Amino acid sequence: MFTSFAFFLTTIPTMKHFLTNFQVTDNFARAFQHLLSEERKKRNLSQFELAWKSGLSRQCLSFFESGRRIPTLSSLYALSKGLDIPLMRFISMLLNRVDYYERYDRMPAVADKKKPEWRADTVSIER
C-alpha cells in the first residue's frame, strides 16, 4: 500500500496535472460550494455530522459551503473520506462542474440558447 498521502498523490498522473496546473477561480469556488452542499444533503448529513466524520470544524464546513473559504488538498481529502467518496472521484466531479461553469457562464450567446442542465452522474477525469 502507499506509505504516505503525499506519495499517493504524486503517483497519480491526473493528480499531478491537477496539482501543477490548478488555479483557484470564482468558478472553482462556486463549483465546490455547490458540490459539497449537494453531496452532503444527498447523504442526509448535517454540517455537524459531516464535520465530525471528516475531522474538520463545523465552522470550516460552513465557510466552505458559503464560499468564504477555499479548501486545501488535505481538506478535500478529509471531506471525500467524510462523504465516503473516493478522492479521485470527488476531484473529478469538482473539475467537471468547474468546466461546466466555465464553458456555459462565459459564453455570450448562452442567453439565446438553452443552457444544458447540469448532470451530476456524468463524471470523467479527462480535462
Protein backbone atom coordinates (compact mmCIF):
# COMPACT_ATOMS: atom_id res chain seq x y z
CA MET A 1 0.00 0.00 0.00
CA PHE A 2 1.04 3.65 -0.04
CA THR A 3 3.37 4.89 2.68
CA SER A 4 2.00 8.42 2.79
CA PHE A 5 -0.75 10.57 1.39
CA ALA A 6 1.79 12.81 -0.41
CA PHE A 7 3.36 9.78 -2.12
CA PHE A 8 -0.11 8.60 -3.15
CA LEU A 9 -0.88 11.97 -4.76
CA THR A 10 2.40 12.19 -6.68
CA THR A 11 1.94 8.73 -8.16
CA ILE A 12 -1.29 9.52 -9.96
CA PRO A 13 -0.74 11.33 -13.30
CA THR A 14 -4.12 13.07 -13.22
CA MET A 15 -3.44 14.29 -9.72
CA LYS A 16 -0.03 15.58 -10.83
CA HIS A 17 -1.77 17.55 -13.58
CA PHE A 18 -4.30 18.83 -11.07
CA LEU A 19 -1.63 19.97 -8.61
CA THR A 20 0.63 21.65 -11.17
CA ASN A 21 -1.94 23.30 -13.44
CA PHE A 22 -4.62 24.18 -10.92
CA GLN A 23 -5.68 27.79 -10.39
CA VAL A 24 -8.37 28.85 -7.97
CA THR A 25 -11.07 30.77 -9.83
CA ASP A 26 -14.50 32.06 -8.96
CA ASN A 27 -15.90 29.10 -10.88
CA PHE A 28 -13.93 26.71 -8.69
CA ALA A 29 -15.23 28.32 -5.51
CA ARG A 30 -18.81 28.23 -6.76
CA ALA A 31 -18.49 24.67 -8.06
CA PHE A 32 -17.00 23.48 -4.78
CA GLN A 33 -19.64 25.09 -2.58
CA HIS A 34 -22.48 23.67 -4.70
CA LEU A 35 -20.93 20.21 -4.95
CA LEU A 36 -20.21 19.97 -1.24
CA SER A 37 -23.68 21.12 -0.27
CA GLU A 38 -25.39 18.75 -2.72
CA GLU A 39 -23.33 15.72 -1.73
CA ARG A 40 -23.88 16.39 1.99
CA LYS A 41 -27.65 16.77 1.52
CA LYS A 42 -27.76 13.68 -0.73
CA ARG A 43 -26.41 11.67 2.20
CA ASN A 44 -28.78 13.33 4.70
CA LEU A 45 -25.91 14.66 6.79
CA SER A 46 -25.97 17.87 8.79
CA GLN A 47 -22.94 20.14 8.67
CA PHE A 48 -22.06 18.99 12.17
CA GLU A 49 -22.23 15.29 11.22
CA LEU A 50 -20.07 15.77 8.11
CA ALA A 51 -17.61 17.89 10.06
CA TRP A 52 -17.33 15.16 12.68
CA LYS A 53 -16.90 12.39 10.08
CA SER A 54 -14.26 14.35 8.16
CA GLY A 55 -12.38 15.72 11.17
CA LEU A 56 -13.00 19.37 10.28
CA SER A 57 -14.79 22.00 12.33
CA ARG A 58 -18.42 22.81 11.63
CA GLN A 59 -17.46 26.45 11.10
CA CYS A 60 -14.88 25.44 8.48
CA LEU A 61 -17.51 23.38 6.68
CA SER A 62 -19.94 26.29 6.84
CA PHE A 63 -17.30 28.56 5.31
CA PHE A 64 -16.73 26.04 2.50
CA GLU A 65 -20.45 25.83 1.71
CA SER A 66 -20.90 29.60 1.75
CA GLY A 67 -17.86 30.20 -0.47
CA ARG A 68 -15.96 32.18 2.15
CA ARG A 69 -13.12 29.68 2.22
CA ILE A 70 -11.32 27.64 -0.45
CA PRO A 71 -10.34 24.08 0.54
CA THR A 72 -6.79 22.85 0.70
CA LEU A 73 -5.91 19.46 -0.74
CA SER A 74 -5.90 17.95 2.74
CA SER A 75 -9.41 19.39 3.31
CA LEU A 76 -10.58 17.83 0.03
CA TYR A 77 -9.16 14.51 1.22
CA ALA A 78 -10.88 14.79 4.60
CA LEU A 79 -14.20 15.74 3.01
CA SER A 80 -14.02 12.90 0.50
CA LYS A 81 -13.48 10.49 3.40
CA GLY A 82 -16.36 12.04 5.34
CA LEU A 83 -18.67 11.74 2.33
CA ASP A 84 -17.45 8.20 1.53
CA ILE A 85 -16.41 9.24 -1.98
CA PRO A 86 -13.00 8.22 -3.36
CA LEU A 87 -10.75 11.28 -3.61
CA MET A 88 -10.22 10.93 -7.37
CA ARG A 89 -13.97 10.74 -7.98
CA PHE A 90 -14.61 13.75 -5.73
CA ILE A 91 -11.98 15.83 -7.55
CA SER A 92 -13.25 14.62 -10.92
CA MET A 93 -16.80 15.66 -10.01
CA LEU A 94 -15.46 19.04 -8.92
CA LEU A 95 -13.42 19.61 -12.08
CA ASN A 96 -16.34 18.59 -14.29
CA ARG A 97 -18.51 21.14 -12.56
CA VAL A 98 -15.81 23.83 -12.92
CA ASP A 99 -15.59 23.03 -16.65
CA TYR A 100 -19.37 23.28 -16.92
CA TYR A 101 -19.41 26.71 -15.27
CA GLU A 102 -16.50 27.96 -17.37
CA ARG A 103 -18.00 26.69 -20.60
CA TYR A 104 -21.54 27.98 -20.17
CA ASP A 105 -21.17 31.04 -17.96
CA ARG A 106 -18.65 32.82 -20.17
CA MET A 107 -20.47 32.33 -23.46
CA PRO A 108 -22.30 35.49 -24.53
CA ALA A 109 -24.83 33.55 -26.58
CA VAL A 110 -25.95 31.35 -23.69
CA ALA A 111 -28.96 33.56 -23.06
CA ASP A 112 -30.16 32.87 -26.61
CA LYS A 113 -29.62 29.12 -26.42
CA LYS A 114 -30.92 26.70 -23.86
CA LYS A 115 -28.19 26.04 -21.32
CA PRO A 116 -27.71 22.29 -20.87
CA GLU A 117 -28.80 21.03 -17.48
CA TRP A 118 -26.08 20.04 -15.02
CA ARG A 119 -25.87 16.28 -14.76
CA ALA A 120 -24.00 15.07 -11.72
CA ASP A 121 -23.90 11.49 -12.98
CA THR A 122 -21.52 12.30 -15.84
CA VAL A 123 -18.09 12.05 -14.31
CA SER A 124 -14.85 11.82 -16.24
CA ILE A 125 -11.29 12.54 -15.31
CA GLU A 126 -10.38 13.99 -18.70
CA ARG A 127 -9.93 17.77 -18.85
